[in-house]
Protein backbone atom coordinates (compact mmCIF):
# COMPACT_ATOMS: atom_id res chain seq x y z
CA MET A 1 -108.79 160.13 -124.77
CA ALA A 2 -108.71 156.83 -126.98
CA VAL A 3 -109.83 153.41 -126.11
CA ILE A 4 -106.56 151.01 -126.39
CA LEU A 5 -106.71 147.25 -126.43
CA VAL A 6 -103.15 145.90 -125.16
CA ALA A 7 -102.93 142.37 -126.26
CA ASP A 8 -99.84 140.52 -124.65
CA ASP A 9 -99.45 137.32 -122.87
CA ASP A 10 -96.73 138.77 -120.62
CA GLY A 11 -98.48 140.59 -117.76
CA HIS A 12 -95.37 142.61 -116.88
CA ILE A 13 -95.37 144.08 -120.59
CA ARG A 14 -99.03 145.01 -120.23
CA GLU A 15 -98.73 146.56 -116.78
CA VAL A 16 -95.97 149.09 -118.35
CA VAL A 17 -97.74 149.64 -121.49
CA ARG A 18 -101.14 150.22 -119.62
CA PHE A 19 -99.10 152.71 -116.89
CA ALA A 20 -97.70 154.85 -120.11
CA LEU A 21 -100.98 154.96 -122.07
CA GLU A 22 -103.06 155.93 -119.26
CA LYS A 23 -100.48 158.53 -118.14
CA ALA A 24 -101.11 159.83 -121.68
CA GLY A 25 -104.67 160.33 -120.75
CA HIS A 26 -105.87 157.04 -122.59
CA LYS A 27 -108.35 154.13 -121.51
CA VAL A 28 -106.52 150.68 -121.62
CA LEU A 29 -108.08 147.37 -122.21
CA GLU A 30 -106.11 144.22 -121.60
CA ALA A 31 -105.99 140.75 -123.42
CA ALA A 32 -103.68 137.85 -122.38
CA ASN A 33 -104.09 136.08 -125.70
CA GLY A 34 -105.05 136.28 -129.38
CA ALA A 35 -108.66 134.95 -128.83
CA ALA A 36 -109.23 137.13 -125.94
CA ALA A 37 -108.01 140.13 -128.06
CA LEU A 38 -110.42 139.17 -130.97
CA ALA A 39 -113.23 138.50 -128.47
CA THR A 40 -112.67 142.07 -126.89
CA VAL A 41 -112.70 143.85 -130.25
CA GLN A 42 -116.11 142.21 -130.79
CA GLU A 43 -117.70 143.22 -127.34
CA ARG A 44 -116.24 146.86 -126.83
CA SER A 45 -115.53 149.77 -129.06
CA VAL A 46 -111.68 150.06 -129.34
CA ASP A 47 -109.77 152.95 -131.22
CA LEU A 48 -106.61 151.01 -131.47
CA VAL A 49 -104.79 147.49 -130.65
CA VAL A 50 -101.32 147.06 -129.32
CA LEU A 51 -100.51 143.54 -130.55
CA ASP A 52 -97.99 141.12 -129.72
CA ILE A 53 -96.69 138.24 -132.09
CA ILE A 54 -95.97 135.30 -129.90
CA MET A 55 -99.17 134.50 -128.13
CA PRO A 56 -101.36 131.36 -127.18
CA GLU A 57 -104.27 130.36 -129.03
CA GLU A 58 -103.96 132.80 -131.93
CA ASP A 59 -100.76 134.50 -132.41
CA GLY A 60 -100.59 138.20 -133.10
CA LEU A 61 -100.35 137.92 -137.09
CA GLU A 62 -103.36 135.94 -137.28
CA VAL A 63 -105.40 138.20 -135.13
CA CYS A 64 -104.08 140.93 -137.43
CA ARG A 65 -105.31 138.99 -140.61
CA LYS A 66 -108.91 138.62 -139.24
CA LEU A 67 -109.08 142.07 -137.87
CA ARG A 68 -108.18 143.49 -141.29
CA GLN A 69 -110.89 140.99 -142.77
CA ASN A 70 -113.42 142.92 -140.86
CA GLY A 71 -112.07 146.78 -140.86
CA ARG A 72 -109.52 149.32 -140.42
CA LEU A 73 -109.10 149.41 -136.66
CA PRO A 74 -105.62 150.78 -136.20
CA ILE A 75 -103.18 148.04 -135.28
CA LEU A 76 -99.56 148.69 -133.53
CA PHE A 77 -97.31 145.34 -133.39
CA LEU A 78 -95.34 145.47 -130.04
CA SER A 79 -92.90 142.54 -130.44
CA SER A 80 -89.89 140.62 -129.30
CA ARG A 81 -89.39 139.29 -132.94
CA ASP A 82 -87.25 141.82 -134.67
CA ASP A 83 -86.66 139.79 -137.79
CA GLU A 84 -87.28 141.97 -140.85
CA VAL A 85 -89.33 139.38 -142.44
CA ASP A 86 -91.59 139.29 -139.54
CA ARG A 87 -91.71 143.30 -139.62
CA VAL A 88 -92.48 143.49 -143.48
CA LEU A 89 -95.15 140.40 -143.07
CA GLY A 90 -96.77 142.62 -140.29
CA LEU A 91 -96.92 145.56 -142.56
CA GLU A 92 -98.02 143.30 -145.37
CA LEU A 93 -100.94 142.07 -143.29
CA GLY A 94 -102.19 145.79 -142.61
CA ALA A 95 -100.41 146.70 -139.25
CA ASP A 96 -99.85 150.43 -139.00
CA ASP A 97 -96.64 150.37 -137.15
CA TYR A 98 -94.41 148.13 -135.61
CA VAL A 99 -92.20 148.66 -132.22
CA THR A 100 -89.89 146.09 -131.15
CA LYS A 101 -88.96 145.00 -127.56
CA PRO A 102 -87.28 146.35 -125.32
CA PHE A 103 -88.95 149.69 -125.98
CA SER A 104 -88.97 153.07 -124.72
CA PRO A 105 -92.69 153.71 -123.08
CA ARG A 106 -92.31 157.26 -124.26
CA GLU A 107 -91.57 156.48 -127.58
CA LEU A 108 -94.45 153.70 -127.91
CA VAL A 109 -96.85 156.64 -126.53
CA ALA A 110 -95.54 158.77 -129.62
CA ARG A 111 -96.27 155.91 -132.00
CA VAL A 112 -99.62 155.51 -130.69
CA LYS A 113 -100.42 159.20 -131.01
CA ALA A 114 -99.10 159.18 -134.46
CA VAL A 115 -101.26 156.39 -135.54
CA LEU A 116 -104.47 157.80 -133.84
CA ARG A 117 -103.57 161.05 -135.72
CA ARG A 118 -103.41 159.11 -139.26
CA ALA A 119 -106.75 157.66 -138.32
CA GLY A 120 -108.40 160.79 -138.10
CA ASP A 121 -109.14 160.63 -134.32
CA ALA A 122 -110.84 163.98 -133.36
CA SER A 123 -109.13 164.32 -130.08
CA ILE A 124 -105.73 163.98 -131.82
CA GLU A 125 -106.23 166.10 -134.93
CA GLY A 126 -109.49 167.94 -135.52
CA ASP A 127 -108.63 170.48 -138.46
CA GLU A 128 -111.39 170.73 -141.18
CA GLU A 129 -110.13 169.80 -144.47
CA GLN A 130 -111.87 169.53 -148.09
CA PRO A 131 -111.64 166.33 -149.88
CA LEU A 132 -108.70 166.18 -152.15
CA ARG A 133 -109.62 165.27 -155.74
CA ARG A 134 -107.66 163.80 -158.77
CA GLY A 135 -109.50 162.33 -162.04
CA ALA A 136 -111.68 159.64 -160.53
CA LEU A 137 -109.71 159.42 -157.25
CA SER A 138 -111.19 161.00 -153.84
CA ILE A 139 -109.79 161.58 -150.36
CA ASP A 140 -112.08 162.57 -147.87
CA ALA A 141 -109.99 162.87 -144.62
CA GLN A 142 -113.22 164.01 -142.62
CA ARG A 143 -114.67 160.99 -143.41
CA HIS A 144 -111.80 158.60 -143.62
CA ARG A 145 -113.18 157.86 -147.19
CA CYS A 146 -111.25 156.82 -150.13
CA THR A 147 -113.20 156.34 -153.52
CA TRP A 148 -112.46 155.57 -157.22
CA GLY A 149 -115.34 156.89 -159.14
CA HIS A 150 -118.42 155.37 -157.43
CA ASP A 151 -116.34 152.65 -155.80
CA GLU A 152 -115.12 152.88 -152.26
CA VAL A 153 -111.61 151.67 -151.53
CA GLY A 154 -111.19 150.54 -147.88
CA LEU A 155 -107.76 151.82 -146.43
CA THR A 156 -106.11 151.29 -143.20
CA ALA A 157 -105.09 154.56 -141.32
CA THR A 158 -101.34 154.42 -142.42
CA GLU A 159 -102.65 153.53 -146.15
CA PHE A 160 -104.89 156.64 -146.04
CA ALA A 161 -102.11 158.61 -144.62
CA LEU A 162 -99.75 157.70 -147.30
CA LEU A 163 -101.98 158.31 -150.20
CA ARG A 164 -103.46 161.56 -148.70
CA SER A 165 -99.91 162.73 -148.64
CA LEU A 166 -99.25 162.00 -152.24
CA MET A 167 -102.56 163.66 -153.23
CA THR A 168 -101.48 167.08 -151.53
CA THR A 169 -99.49 168.20 -154.39
CA PRO A 170 -100.70 165.72 -157.16
CA GLY A 171 -97.98 165.13 -160.03
CA ARG A 172 -95.08 165.91 -157.55
CA VAL A 173 -92.58 162.88 -156.89
CA TYR A 174 -92.14 162.36 -153.38
CA SER A 175 -88.98 160.42 -152.05
CA ARG A 176 -89.59 157.64 -149.43
CA ASN A 177 -88.13 159.89 -146.71
CA GLU A 178 -90.36 162.77 -147.67
CA LEU A 179 -93.56 160.33 -147.24
CA VAL A 180 -92.59 159.20 -143.83
CA ASP A 181 -92.03 162.87 -142.81
CA LYS A 182 -95.81 163.67 -144.23
CA ALA A 183 -97.52 160.49 -143.54
CA TRP A 184 -95.82 159.21 -140.27
CA GLY A 185 -94.40 162.34 -138.75
CA TYR A 186 -90.90 163.87 -138.31
CA GLY A 187 -88.42 161.62 -136.15
CA HIS A 188 -89.98 158.30 -137.20
CA HIS A 189 -87.06 155.76 -138.26
CA ILE A 190 -89.33 154.09 -141.06
CA THR A 191 -87.42 151.96 -143.69
CA ASP A 192 -87.90 152.35 -147.39
CA ARG A 193 -88.95 148.69 -147.44
CA THR A 194 -91.80 149.73 -144.96
CA VAL A 195 -92.81 152.47 -147.21
CA ASP A 196 -92.90 149.95 -150.28
CA SER A 197 -94.83 147.50 -148.20
CA HIS A 198 -97.74 149.97 -147.69
CA VAL A 199 -97.66 150.98 -151.29
CA ARG A 200 -97.95 147.44 -152.57
CA ARG A 201 -101.04 146.99 -150.14
CA ILE A 202 -102.59 150.14 -151.88
CA ARG A 203 -102.03 149.18 -154.97
CA ARG A 204 -103.56 145.59 -154.16
CA LYS A 205 -106.87 147.23 -152.99
CA PHE A 206 -107.15 149.78 -155.68
CA ASP A 207 -106.61 146.74 -158.14
CA GLY A 208 -110.17 145.42 -157.04
CA VAL A 209 -111.72 148.13 -158.79
CA GLY A 210 -109.45 147.94 -161.69
CA ALA A 211 -107.20 151.19 -160.74
CA ASP A 212 -103.65 151.80 -159.99
CA PRO A 213 -103.47 155.66 -158.63
CA ILE A 214 -99.56 155.41 -157.86
CA GLU A 215 -96.71 155.55 -160.07
CA THR A 216 -93.49 154.35 -159.36
CA VAL A 217 -90.51 156.76 -160.45
CA TYR A 218 -87.49 154.55 -160.11
CA GLY A 219 -84.54 155.48 -158.23
CA VAL A 220 -86.64 158.90 -156.99
CA GLY A 221 -89.90 157.79 -155.08
CA TYR A 222 -93.74 157.79 -155.79
CA ARG A 223 -96.30 160.22 -157.19
CA VAL A 224 -100.10 160.12 -157.89
CA ARG A 225 -101.21 159.21 -161.69
CA GLU A 226 -103.63 161.37 -163.58
CA CYS A 227 -106.39 158.87 -162.40
CA GLU A 228 -108.63 158.75 -165.28
CA GLN A 229 -111.22 156.29 -165.07
CA ALA A 230 -111.56 153.93 -168.04
CA ALA A 231 -114.70 154.36 -170.17
C-alpha cells in the first residue's frame, strides 16, 4: 500500500481517482489547490503525488517545480491540458508520467503502479539486486542511489529507471522503444520526445559533477559511455 496525494480543484475528479486508487489498495489524501498540496507534502509522509496542472493559488507546474527543488517524490500529472508543450514541460520539470483527461481509472492505477515500481517501492517490487557499476558511475537500486565517483546525483524515479535500464547491458545501444519497455513497462504509449526529455534532465544533473554518462547514437538510440572519471 502506498500513500498517494491527489491534488485537483475538481472534487468529482478527486472522488473518481480516490475510488480507483483505494480499490487498488492505496491510501489517498486530497488537496483542492496547489498550496494545500505543498502543505500536505510538508506535513505527511507521501509516496506519490497525482497532480493537476490548472489549480488555484499554485498551479501544478509550479508545485512540481517546488517539489523537485526539495526531493525526488514521484509525480504523475493528470491534466485536461493535452498540448504537447505542456506535456514536455511537465516532464522537463521532473514529472515521472503524464495522463490526460478524460482518463481510464484502470490505466491511471496501472501508471501509478509503474511509477511506484520505478521508485523502488518495496510493496511493488522487492527483489534484491547488486549495484551496477561502469567506471565512475554506480547505480544502487536497493538504496535508490546514483553516484559518480564520490558525488551523489539525485535522480527522480523515472530518470533512475531509465539510466538503470541502460546500465543493465553497458555499451549496448538501446532504441527509444526498448527503453520504454524496460523503464516504463510493456504497453505504455511513451513518445520518443518523452524519452529524450528525461535523457536531457539526466545529462543536466550529471553536468553538475562534470560528467555525461549517456551517449547518443544518432538514428538508433542511447547507450552508456565508458564513464571514466577525469584525473
